[in-house]
PDB file of all heavy atoms in Angstrom:
ATOM      1  N   VAL A   1     -18.117  21.961 -25.592  1.00  0.00           N
ATOM      2  CA  VAL A   1     -18.704  20.656 -25.613  1.00  0.00           C
ATOM      3  C   VAL A   1     -17.803  19.726 -24.777  1.00  0.00           C
ATOM      4  O   VAL A   1     -16.598  19.676 -24.989  1.00  0.00           O
ATOM      5  CB  VAL A   1     -18.848  20.108 -27.044  1.00  0.00           C
ATOM      6  CG1 VAL A   1     -19.493  18.715 -27.062  1.00  0.00           C
ATOM      7  CG2 VAL A   1     -19.668  21.061 -27.921  1.00  0.00           C
ATOM      8  N   LEU A   2     -18.431  18.965 -23.895  1.00  0.00           N
ATOM      9  CA  LEU A   2     -17.691  18.031 -23.035  1.00  0.00           C
ATOM     10  C   LEU A   2     -18.384  16.675 -23.203  1.00  0.00           C
ATOM     11  O   LEU A   2     -19.626  16.566 -22.990  1.00  0.00           O
ATOM     12  CB  LEU A   2     -17.727  18.429 -21.592  1.00  0.00           C
ATOM     13  CG  LEU A   2     -17.149  19.806 -21.213  1.00  0.00           C
ATOM     14  CD1 LEU A   2     -18.232  20.858 -21.219  1.00  0.00           C
ATOM     15  CD2 LEU A   2     -16.511  19.751 -19.869  1.00  0.00           C
ATOM     16  N   ASP A   3     -17.707  15.602 -23.528  1.00  0.00           N
ATOM     17  CA  ASP A   3     -18.286  14.304 -23.734  1.00  0.00           C
ATOM     18  C   ASP A   3     -17.924  13.362 -22.643  1.00  0.00           C
ATOM     19  O   ASP A   3     -17.256  13.688 -21.649  1.00  0.00           O
ATOM     20  CB  ASP A   3     -17.970  13.791 -25.141  1.00  0.00           C
ATOM     21  CG  ASP A   3     -16.503  13.377 -25.280  1.00  0.00           C
ATOM     22  OD1 ASP A   3     -15.639  13.837 -24.472  1.00  0.00           O
ATOM     23  OD2 ASP A   3     -16.197  12.646 -26.224  1.00  0.00           O
ATOM     24  N   ASP A   4     -18.362  12.103 -22.849  1.00  0.00           N
ATOM     25  CA  ASP A   4     -18.013  10.971 -21.975  1.00  0.00           C
ATOM     26  C   ASP A   4     -18.605  11.036 -20.594  1.00  0.00           C
ATOM     27  O   ASP A   4     -18.035  10.586 -19.628  1.00  0.00           O
ATOM     28  CB  ASP A   4     -16.462  10.792 -21.880  1.00  0.00           C
ATOM     29  CG  ASP A   4     -15.816  10.514 -23.188  1.00  0.00           C
ATOM     30  OD1 ASP A   4     -16.469   9.910 -24.071  1.00  0.00           O
ATOM     31  OD2 ASP A   4     -14.655  10.915 -23.372  1.00  0.00           O
ATOM     32  N   PHE A   5     -19.825  11.539 -20.509  1.00  0.00           N
ATOM     33  CA  PHE A   5     -20.565  11.488 -19.277  1.00  0.00           C
ATOM     34  C   PHE A   5     -21.568  10.342 -19.308  1.00  0.00           C
ATOM     35  O   PHE A   5     -22.046   9.961 -20.382  1.00  0.00           O
ATOM     36  CB  PHE A   5     -21.304  12.796 -19.007  1.00  0.00           C
ATOM     37  CG  PHE A   5     -20.433  13.948 -18.634  1.00  0.00           C
ATOM     38  CD1 PHE A   5     -19.919  14.804 -19.629  1.00  0.00           C
ATOM     39  CD2 PHE A   5     -20.042  14.171 -17.326  1.00  0.00           C
ATOM     40  CE1 PHE A   5     -19.090  15.825 -19.308  1.00  0.00           C
ATOM     41  CE2 PHE A   5     -19.186  15.195 -17.005  1.00  0.00           C
ATOM     42  CZ  PHE A   5     -18.716  16.051 -17.989  1.00  0.00           C
ATOM     43  N   THR A   6     -21.865   9.771 -18.131  1.00  0.00           N
ATOM     44  CA  THR A   6     -22.899   8.801 -18.009  1.00  0.00           C
ATOM     45  C   THR A   6     -24.157   9.544 -17.576  1.00  0.00           C
ATOM     46  O   THR A   6     -24.094  10.328 -16.634  1.00  0.00           O
ATOM     47  CB  THR A   6     -22.512   7.742 -16.949  1.00  0.00           C
ATOM     48  OG1 THR A   6     -21.324   7.104 -17.349  1.00  0.00           O
ATOM     49  CG2 THR A   6     -23.589   6.709 -16.785  1.00  0.00           C
ATOM     50  N   PRO A   7     -25.295   9.342 -18.247  1.00  0.00           N
ATOM     51  CA  PRO A   7     -26.472  10.130 -17.896  1.00  0.00           C
ATOM     52  C   PRO A   7     -26.828   9.975 -16.407  1.00  0.00           C
ATOM     53  O   PRO A   7     -26.639   8.923 -15.808  1.00  0.00           O
ATOM     54  CB  PRO A   7     -27.582   9.536 -18.769  1.00  0.00           C
ATOM     55  CG  PRO A   7     -26.831   8.954 -19.941  1.00  0.00           C
ATOM     56  CD  PRO A   7     -25.532   8.445 -19.367  1.00  0.00           C
ATOM     57  N   SER A   8     -27.298  11.097 -15.835  1.00  0.00           N
ATOM     58  CA  SER A   8     -27.735  11.104 -14.434  1.00  0.00           C
ATOM     59  C   SER A   8     -29.116  11.715 -14.380  1.00  0.00           C
ATOM     60  O   SER A   8     -29.353  12.773 -14.936  1.00  0.00           O
ATOM     61  CB  SER A   8     -26.749  11.914 -13.598  1.00  0.00           C
ATOM     62  OG  SER A   8     -27.210  12.038 -12.268  1.00  0.00           O
ATOM     63  N   SER A   9     -30.020  11.056 -13.654  1.00  0.00           N
ATOM     64  CA  SER A   9     -31.349  11.593 -13.528  1.00  0.00           C
ATOM     65  C   SER A   9     -31.617  12.212 -12.178  1.00  0.00           C
ATOM     66  O   SER A   9     -32.764  12.489 -11.817  1.00  0.00           O
ATOM     67  CB  SER A   9     -32.374  10.467 -13.792  1.00  0.00           C
ATOM     68  OG  SER A   9     -32.174   9.412 -12.832  1.00  0.00           O
ATOM     69  N   THR A  10     -30.573  12.406 -11.398  1.00  0.00           N
ATOM     70  CA  THR A  10     -30.680  12.976 -10.040  1.00  0.00           C
ATOM     71  C   THR A  10     -30.122  14.419  -9.996  1.00  0.00           C
ATOM     72  O   THR A  10     -29.355  14.811 -10.862  1.00  0.00           O
ATOM     73  CB  THR A  10     -29.943  12.109  -9.016  1.00  0.00           C
ATOM     74  OG1 THR A  10     -28.526  12.153  -9.331  1.00  0.00           O
ATOM     75  CG2 THR A  10     -30.441  10.698  -9.008  1.00  0.00           C
ATOM     76  N   TRP A  11     -30.547  15.110  -8.945  1.00  0.00           N
ATOM     77  CA  TRP A  11     -29.928  16.422  -8.648  1.00  0.00           C
ATOM     78  C   TRP A  11     -29.496  16.426  -7.210  1.00  0.00           C
ATOM     79  O   TRP A  11     -30.292  16.112  -6.359  1.00  0.00           O
ATOM     80  CB  TRP A  11     -30.891  17.583  -8.920  1.00  0.00           C
ATOM     81  CG  TRP A  11     -30.090  18.863  -8.798  1.00  0.00           C
ATOM     82  CD1 TRP A  11     -30.092  19.720  -7.722  1.00  0.00           C
ATOM     83  CD2 TRP A  11     -29.164  19.393  -9.734  1.00  0.00           C
ATOM     84  NE1 TRP A  11     -29.249  20.735  -7.939  1.00  0.00           N
ATOM     85  CE2 TRP A  11     -28.643  20.578  -9.200  1.00  0.00           C
ATOM     86  CE3 TRP A  11     -28.745  19.011 -11.029  1.00  0.00           C
ATOM     87  CZ2 TRP A  11     -27.705  21.375  -9.838  1.00  0.00           C
ATOM     88  CZ3 TRP A  11     -27.791  19.788 -11.667  1.00  0.00           C
ATOM     89  CH2 TRP A  11     -27.308  20.982 -11.073  1.00  0.00           C
ATOM     90  N   PRO A  12     -28.296  16.697  -6.939  1.00  0.00           N
ATOM     91  CA  PRO A  12     -27.230  16.990  -7.938  1.00  0.00           C
ATOM     92  C   PRO A  12     -26.886  15.759  -8.732  1.00  0.00           C
ATOM     93  O   PRO A  12     -27.138  14.644  -8.285  1.00  0.00           O
ATOM     94  CB  PRO A  12     -26.061  17.451  -7.048  1.00  0.00           C
ATOM     95  CG  PRO A  12     -26.292  16.870  -5.705  1.00  0.00           C
ATOM     96  CD  PRO A  12     -27.765  16.767  -5.577  1.00  0.00           C
ATOM     97  N   PRO A  13     -26.294  15.969  -9.896  1.00  0.00           N
ATOM     98  CA  PRO A  13     -25.905  14.814 -10.727  1.00  0.00           C
ATOM     99  C   PRO A  13     -24.895  13.916 -10.048  1.00  0.00           C
ATOM    100  O   PRO A  13     -24.018  14.444  -9.355  1.00  0.00           O
ATOM    101  CB  PRO A  13     -25.303  15.430 -12.008  1.00  0.00           C
ATOM    102  CG  PRO A  13     -24.911  16.832 -11.628  1.00  0.00           C
ATOM    103  CD  PRO A  13     -25.833  17.259 -10.477  1.00  0.00           C
ATOM    104  N   THR A  14     -25.056  12.645 -10.222  1.00  0.00           N
ATOM    105  CA  THR A  14     -24.160  11.667  -9.567  1.00  0.00           C
ATOM    106  C   THR A  14     -23.516  10.769 -10.584  1.00  0.00           C
ATOM    107  O   THR A  14     -24.067  10.557 -11.678  1.00  0.00           O
ATOM    108  CB  THR A  14     -24.892  10.834  -8.518  1.00  0.00           C
ATOM    109  OG1 THR A  14     -25.969  10.156  -9.193  1.00  0.00           O
ATOM    110  CG2 THR A  14     -25.434  11.668  -7.395  1.00  0.00           C
ATOM    111  N   PHE A  15     -22.418  10.213 -10.225  1.00  0.00           N
ATOM    112  CA  PHE A  15     -21.743   9.144 -11.033  1.00  0.00           C
ATOM    113  C   PHE A  15     -21.148   8.160 -10.021  1.00  0.00           C
ATOM    114  O   PHE A  15     -20.410   8.598  -9.102  1.00  0.00           O
ATOM    115  CB  PHE A  15     -20.656   9.742 -11.928  1.00  0.00           C
ATOM    116  CG  PHE A  15     -19.900   8.721 -12.735  1.00  0.00           C
ATOM    117  CD1 PHE A  15     -20.544   8.006 -13.700  1.00  0.00           C
ATOM    118  CD2 PHE A  15     -18.569   8.493 -12.428  1.00  0.00           C
ATOM    119  CE1 PHE A  15     -19.811   7.029 -14.419  1.00  0.00           C
ATOM    120  CE2 PHE A  15     -17.870   7.516 -13.159  1.00  0.00           C
ATOM    121  CZ  PHE A  15     -18.491   6.799 -14.122  1.00  0.00           C
ATOM    122  N   GLN A  16     -21.469   6.914 -10.182  1.00  0.00           N
ATOM    123  CA  GLN A  16     -21.013   5.826  -9.272  1.00  0.00           C
ATOM    124  C   GLN A  16     -21.320   6.154  -7.811  1.00  0.00           C
ATOM    125  O   GLN A  16     -20.463   5.974  -6.944  1.00  0.00           O
ATOM    126  CB  GLN A  16     -19.533   5.581  -9.531  1.00  0.00           C
ATOM    127  CG  GLN A  16     -19.276   5.014 -10.915  1.00  0.00           C
ATOM    128  CD  GLN A  16     -17.788   4.698 -11.163  1.00  0.00           C
ATOM    129  OE1 GLN A  16     -16.872   5.197 -10.521  1.00  0.00           O
ATOM    130  NE2 GLN A  16     -17.570   3.840 -12.190  1.00  0.00           N
ATOM    131  N   GLY A  17     -22.482   6.688  -7.559  1.00  0.00           N
ATOM    132  CA  GLY A  17     -22.930   6.938  -6.219  1.00  0.00           C
ATOM    133  C   GLY A  17     -22.408   8.189  -5.545  1.00  0.00           C
ATOM    134  O   GLY A  17     -22.716   8.451  -4.385  1.00  0.00           O
ATOM    135  N   ARG A  18     -21.661   9.001  -6.254  1.00  0.00           N
ATOM    136  CA  ARG A  18     -21.090  10.214  -5.668  1.00  0.00           C
ATOM    137  C   ARG A  18     -21.509  11.429  -6.545  1.00  0.00           C
ATOM    138  O   ARG A  18     -21.716  11.288  -7.772  1.00  0.00           O
ATOM    139  CB  ARG A  18     -19.549  10.150  -5.644  1.00  0.00           C
ATOM    140  CG  ARG A  18     -19.060   9.096  -4.746  1.00  0.00           C
ATOM    141  CD  ARG A  18     -17.577   9.090  -4.734  1.00  0.00           C
ATOM    142  NE  ARG A  18     -17.110   7.960  -3.940  1.00  0.00           N
ATOM    143  CZ  ARG A  18     -15.901   7.815  -3.542  1.00  0.00           C
ATOM    144  NH1 ARG A  18     -14.982   8.701  -3.859  1.00  0.00           N
ATOM    145  NH2 ARG A  18     -15.578   6.781  -2.810  1.00  0.00           N
ATOM    146  N   VAL A  19     -21.531  12.590  -5.948  1.00  0.00           N
ATOM    147  CA  VAL A  19     -21.804  13.821  -6.699  1.00  0.00           C
ATOM    148  C   VAL A  19     -20.733  13.983  -7.738  1.00  0.00           C
ATOM    149  O   VAL A  19     -19.571  13.894  -7.456  1.00  0.00           O
ATOM    150  CB  VAL A  19     -21.900  15.052  -5.745  1.00  0.00           C
ATOM    151  CG1 VAL A  19     -21.981  16.354  -6.590  1.00  0.00           C
ATOM    152  CG2 VAL A  19     -23.065  14.906  -4.817  1.00  0.00           C
ATOM    153  N   ASP A  20     -21.201  14.202  -8.980  1.00  0.00           N
ATOM    154  CA  ASP A  20     -20.286  14.428 -10.101  1.00  0.00           C
ATOM    155  C   ASP A  20     -19.950  15.936 -10.100  1.00  0.00           C
ATOM    156  O   ASP A  20     -20.684  16.804 -10.639  1.00  0.00           O
ATOM    157  CB  ASP A  20     -20.969  14.047 -11.382  1.00  0.00           C
ATOM    158  CG  ASP A  20     -20.041  14.130 -12.604  1.00  0.00           C
ATOM    159  OD1 ASP A  20     -19.058  14.899 -12.546  1.00  0.00           O
ATOM    160  OD2 ASP A  20     -20.330  13.506 -13.620  1.00  0.00           O
ATOM    161  N   THR A  21     -18.853  16.275  -9.409  1.00  0.00           N
ATOM    162  CA  THR A  21     -18.495  17.681  -9.240  1.00  0.00           C
ATOM    163  C   THR A  21     -18.142  18.414 -10.519  1.00  0.00           C
ATOM    164  O   THR A  21     -18.469  19.579 -10.665  1.00  0.00           O
ATOM    165  CB  THR A  21     -17.329  17.852  -8.232  1.00  0.00           C
ATOM    166  OG1 THR A  21     -16.189  17.076  -8.685  1.00  0.00           O
ATOM    167  CG2 THR A  21     -17.734  17.389  -6.843  1.00  0.00           C
ATOM    168  N   THR A  22     -17.548  17.697 -11.467  1.00  0.00           N
ATOM    169  CA  THR A  22     -17.278  18.339 -12.775  1.00  0.00           C
ATOM    170  C   THR A  22     -18.545  18.712 -13.469  1.00  0.00           C
ATOM    171  O   THR A  22     -18.699  19.913 -13.885  1.00  0.00           O
ATOM    172  CB  THR A  22     -16.450  17.368 -13.669  1.00  0.00           C
ATOM    173  OG1 THR A  22     -15.208  17.036 -13.021  1.00  0.00           O
ATOM    174  CG2 THR A  22     -16.201  17.972 -15.034  1.00  0.00           C
ATOM    175  N   ARG A  23     -19.483  17.819 -13.539  1.00  0.00           N
ATOM    176  CA  ARG A  23     -20.757  18.126 -14.197  1.00  0.00           C
ATOM    177  C   ARG A  23     -21.530  19.225 -13.433  1.00  0.00           C
ATOM    178  O   ARG A  23     -22.059  20.120 -14.051  1.00  0.00           O
ATOM    179  CB  ARG A  23     -21.583  16.845 -14.288  1.00  0.00           C
ATOM    180  CG  ARG A  23     -22.836  17.020 -15.119  1.00  0.00           C
ATOM    181  CD  ARG A  23     -23.598  15.712 -15.330  1.00  0.00           C
ATOM    182  NE  ARG A  23     -22.983  14.518 -14.823  1.00  0.00           N
ATOM    183  CZ  ARG A  23     -23.282  13.290 -15.225  1.00  0.00           C
ATOM    184  NH1 ARG A  23     -24.212  13.128 -16.183  1.00  0.00           N
ATOM    185  NH2 ARG A  23     -22.728  12.249 -14.750  1.00  0.00           N
ATOM    186  N   LEU A  24     -21.517  19.136 -12.102  1.00  0.00           N
ATOM    187  CA  LEU A  24     -22.175  20.123 -11.271  1.00  0.00           C
ATOM    188  C   LEU A  24     -21.603  21.503 -11.521  1.00  0.00           C
ATOM    189  O   LEU A  24     -22.382  22.471 -11.642  1.00  0.00           O
ATOM    190  CB  LEU A  24     -22.047  19.753  -9.770  1.00  0.00           C
ATOM    191  CG  LEU A  24     -22.840  20.621  -8.807  1.00  0.00           C
ATOM    192  CD1 LEU A  24     -24.341  20.577  -9.085  1.00  0.00           C
ATOM    193  CD2 LEU A  24     -22.542  20.142  -7.371  1.00  0.00           C
ATOM    194  N   GLN A  25     -20.281  21.648 -11.607  1.00  0.00           N
ATOM    195  CA  GLN A  25     -19.657  22.941 -11.855  1.00  0.00           C
ATOM    196  C   GLN A  25     -20.175  23.554 -13.163  1.00  0.00           C
ATOM    197  O   GLN A  25     -20.517  24.686 -13.239  1.00  0.00           O
ATOM    198  CB  GLN A  25     -18.143  22.804 -11.960  1.00  0.00           C
ATOM    199  CG  GLN A  25     -17.433  22.690 -10.632  1.00  0.00           C
ATOM    200  CD  GLN A  25     -15.913  22.573 -10.878  1.00  0.00           C
ATOM    201  OE1 GLN A  25     -15.462  22.084 -11.874  1.00  0.00           O
ATOM    202  NE2 GLN A  25     -15.145  23.056  -9.927  1.00  0.00           N
ATOM    203  N   TRP A  26     -20.190  22.733 -14.228  1.00  0.00           N
ATOM    204  CA  TRP A  26     -20.597  23.236 -15.525  1.00  0.00           C
ATOM    205  C   TRP A  26     -22.108  23.582 -15.544  1.00  0.00           C
ATOM    206  O   TRP A  26     -22.499  24.596 -16.119  1.00  0.00           O
ATOM    207  CB  TRP A  26     -20.309  22.195 -16.596  1.00  0.00           C
ATOM    208  CG  TRP A  26     -18.873  22.231 -17.033  1.00  0.00           C
ATOM    209  CD1 TRP A  26     -17.855  21.447 -16.583  1.00  0.00           C
ATOM    210  CD2 TRP A  26     -18.324  23.163 -17.925  1.00  0.00           C
ATOM    211  NE1 TRP A  26     -16.690  21.806 -17.138  1.00  0.00           N
ATOM    212  CE2 TRP A  26     -16.938  22.863 -17.974  1.00  0.00           C
ATOM    213  CE3 TRP A  26     -18.806  24.232 -18.698  1.00  0.00           C
ATOM    214  CZ2 TRP A  26     -16.044  23.613 -18.797  1.00  0.00           C
ATOM    215  CZ3 TRP A  26     -17.951  24.922 -19.478  1.00  0.00           C
ATOM    216  CH2 TRP A  26     -16.588  24.605 -19.532  1.00  0.00           C
ATOM    217  N   LEU A  27     -22.916  22.801 -14.889  1.00  0.00           N
ATOM    218  CA  LEU A  27     -24.358  23.036 -14.948  1.00  0.00           C
ATOM    219  C   LEU A  27     -24.782  24.244 -14.066  1.00  0.00           C
ATOM    220  O   LEU A  27     -25.854  24.776 -14.282  1.00  0.00           O
ATOM    221  CB  LEU A  27     -25.122  21.796 -14.470  1.00  0.00           C
ATOM    222  CG  LEU A  27     -25.054  20.616 -15.432  1.00  0.00           C
ATOM    223  CD1 LEU A  27     -25.616  19.338 -14.785  1.00  0.00           C
ATOM    224  CD2 LEU A  27     -25.849  20.899 -16.719  1.00  0.00           C
ATOM    225  N   THR A  28     -23.911  24.690 -13.169  1.00  0.00           N
ATOM    226  CA  THR A  28     -24.303  25.782 -12.294  1.00  0.00           C
ATOM    227  C   THR A  28     -23.457  27.051 -12.484  1.00  0.00           C
ATOM    228  O   THR A  28     -23.723  28.036 -11.846  1.00  0.00           O
ATOM    229  CB  THR A  28     -24.179  25.350 -10.825  1.00  0.00           C
ATOM    230  OG1 THR A  28     -22.856  24.942 -10.541  1.00  0.00           O
ATOM    231  CG2 THR A  28     -25.175  24.203 -10.516  1.00  0.00           C
ATOM    232  N   ASP A  29     -22.468  27.053 -13.331  1.00  0.00           N
ATOM    233  CA  ASP A  29     -21.642  28.247 -13.514  1.00  0.00           C
ATOM    234  C   ASP A  29     -22.419  29.340 -14.166  1.00  0.00           C
ATOM    235  O   ASP A  29     -22.986  29.118 -15.274  1.00  0.00           O
ATOM    236  CB  ASP A  29     -20.415  27.883 -14.363  1.00  0.00           C
ATOM    237  CG  ASP A  29     -19.397  29.017 -14.332  1.00  0.00           C
ATOM    238  OD1 ASP A  29     -19.637  30.044 -14.941  1.00  0.00           O
ATOM    239  OD2 ASP A  29     -18.358  28.842 -13.636  1.00  0.00           O
ATOM    240  N   PRO A  30     -22.513  30.515 -13.590  1.00  0.00           N
ATOM    241  CA  PRO A  30     -23.326  31.613 -14.154  1.00  0.00           C
ATOM    242  C   PRO A  30     -22.783  32.203 -15.493  1.00  0.00           C
ATOM    243  O   PRO A  30     -23.495  32.888 -16.141  1.00  0.00           O
ATOM    244  CB  PRO A  30     -23.344  32.678 -13.060  1.00  0.00           C
ATOM    245  CG  PRO A  30     -22.068  32.417 -12.236  1.00  0.00           C
ATOM    246  CD  PRO A  30     -21.879  30.891 -12.321  1.00  0.00           C
ATOM    247  N   ARG A  31     -21.570  31.888 -15.799  1.00  0.00           N
ATOM    248  CA  ARG A  31     -20.991  32.428 -17.077  1.00  0.00           C
ATOM    249  C   ARG A  31     -21.466  31.600 -18.279  1.00  0.00           C
ATOM    250  O   ARG A  31     -21.265  32.036 -19.452  1.00  0.00           O
ATOM    251  CB  ARG A  31     -19.465  32.419 -17.026  1.00  0.00           C
ATOM    252  CG  ARG A  31     -18.889  33.368 -15.987  1.00  0.00           C
ATOM    253  CD  ARG A  31     -17.467  33.110 -15.772  1.00  0.00           C
ATOM    254  NE  ARG A  31     -17.320  31.827 -15.092  1.00  0.00           N
ATOM    255  CZ  ARG A  31     -16.187  31.360 -14.659  1.00  0.00           C
ATOM    256  NH1 ARG A  31     -15.056  32.069 -14.786  1.00  0.00           N
ATOM    257  NH2 ARG A  31     -16.101  30.184 -14.055  1.00  0.00           N
ATOM    258  N   PHE A  32     -22.047  30.457 -18.059  1.00  0.00           N
ATOM    259  CA  PHE A  32     -22.499  29.569 -19.087  1.00  0.00           C
ATOM    260  C   PHE A  32     -23.941  29.181 -18.939  1.00  0.00           C
ATOM    261  O   PHE A  32     -24.418  29.035 -17.829  1.00  0.00           O
ATOM    262  CB  PHE A  32     -21.653  28.307 -19.131  1.00  0.00           C
ATOM    263  CG  PHE A  32     -20.244  28.503 -19.550  1.00  0.00           C
ATOM    264  CD1 PHE A  32     -19.222  28.745 -18.596  1.00  0.00           C
ATOM    265  CD2 PHE A  32     -19.868  28.411 -20.895  1.00  0.00           C
ATOM    266  CE1 PHE A  32     -17.957  28.977 -18.996  1.00  0.00           C
ATOM    267  CE2 PHE A  32     -18.556  28.606 -21.273  1.00  0.00           C
ATOM    268  CZ  PHE A  32     -17.593  28.876 -20.321  1.00  0.00           C
ATOM    269  N   VAL A  33     -24.613  28.949 -20.016  1.00  0.00           N
ATOM    270  CA  VAL A  33     -25.903  28.278 -20.051  1.00  0.00           C
ATOM    271  C   VAL A  33     -25.597  26.864 -20.531  1.00  0.00           C
ATOM    272  O   VAL A  33     -25.126  26.674 -21.682  1.00  0.00           O
ATOM    273  CB  VAL A  33     -26.882  28.958 -20.960  1.00  0.00           C
ATOM    274  CG1 VAL A  33     -28.204  28.165 -21.036  1.00  0.00           C
ATOM    275  CG2 VAL A  33     -27.153  30.398 -20.543  1.00  0.00           C
ATOM    276  N   THR A  34     -25.768  25.902 -19.630  1.00  0.00           N
ATOM    277  CA  THR A  34     -25.313  24.522 -19.928  1.00  0.00           C
ATOM    278  C   THR A  34     -26.461  23.579 -19.851  1.00  0.00           C
ATOM    279  O   THR A  34     -27.342  23.634 -18.954  1.00  0.00           O
ATOM    280  CB  THR A  34     -24.214  24.108 -18.920  1.00  0.00           C
ATOM    281  OG1 THR A  34     -23.181  25.077 -18.977  1.00  0.00           O
ATOM    282  CG2 THR A  34     -23.674  22.702 -19.225  1.00  0.00           C
ATOM    283  N   THR A  35     -26.474  22.624 -20.780  1.00  0.00           N
ATOM    284  CA  THR A  35     -27.460  21.546 -20.754  1.00  0.00           C
ATOM    285  C   THR A  35     -26.755  20.231 -20.983  1.00  0.00           C
ATOM    286  O   THR A  35     -25.690  20.172 -21.590  1.00  0.00           O
ATOM    287  CB  THR A  35     -28.575  21.775 -21.778  1.00  0.00           C
ATOM    288  OG1 THR A  35     -29.638  20.844 -21.558  1.00  0.00           O
ATOM    289  CG2 THR A  35     -28.050  21.642 -23.212  1.00  0.00           C
ATOM    290  N   GLU A  36     -27.376  19.168 -20.490  1.00  0.00           N
ATOM    291  CA  GLU A  36     -26.863  17.822 -20.724  1.00  0.00           C
ATOM    292  C   GLU A  36     -27.759  17.134 -21.732  1.00  0.00           C
ATOM    293  O   GLU A  36     -28.966  17.195 -21.604  1.00  0.00           O
ATOM    294  CB  GLU A  36     -26.869  17.038 -19.403  1.00  0.00           C
ATOM    295  CG  GLU A  36     -26.273  15.625 -19.543  1.00  0.00           C
ATOM    296  CD  GLU A  36     -26.129  14.968 -18.185  1.00  0.00           C
ATOM    297  OE1 GLU A  36     -26.351  15.593 -17.139  1.00  0.00           O
ATOM    298  OE2 GLU A  36     -25.721  13.770 -18.203  1.00  0.00           O
ATOM    299  N   VAL A  37     -27.152  16.564 -22.763  1.00  0.00           N
ATOM    300  CA  VAL A  37     -27.871  15.933 -23.818  1.00  0.00           C
ATOM    301  C   VAL A  37     -27.434  14.481 -23.889  1.00  0.00           C
ATOM    302  O   VAL A  37     -26.268  14.158 -23.985  1.00  0.00           O
ATOM    303  CB  VAL A  37     -27.594  16.632 -25.160  1.00  0.00           C
ATOM    304  CG1 VAL A  37     -28.289  15.942 -26.310  1.00  0.00           C
ATOM    305  CG2 VAL A  37     -27.975  18.091 -25.112  1.00  0.00           C
TER     306      VAL A  37
END
């Protein structure tokens, strides 16, 4: 569980106008099934 994200409705996910690389890594890593809630 990772907290403190600002919701993003775009793909790839963005934060403050830039790609949120941390979130992108988690959402696309094949070792995990990840969802944002």
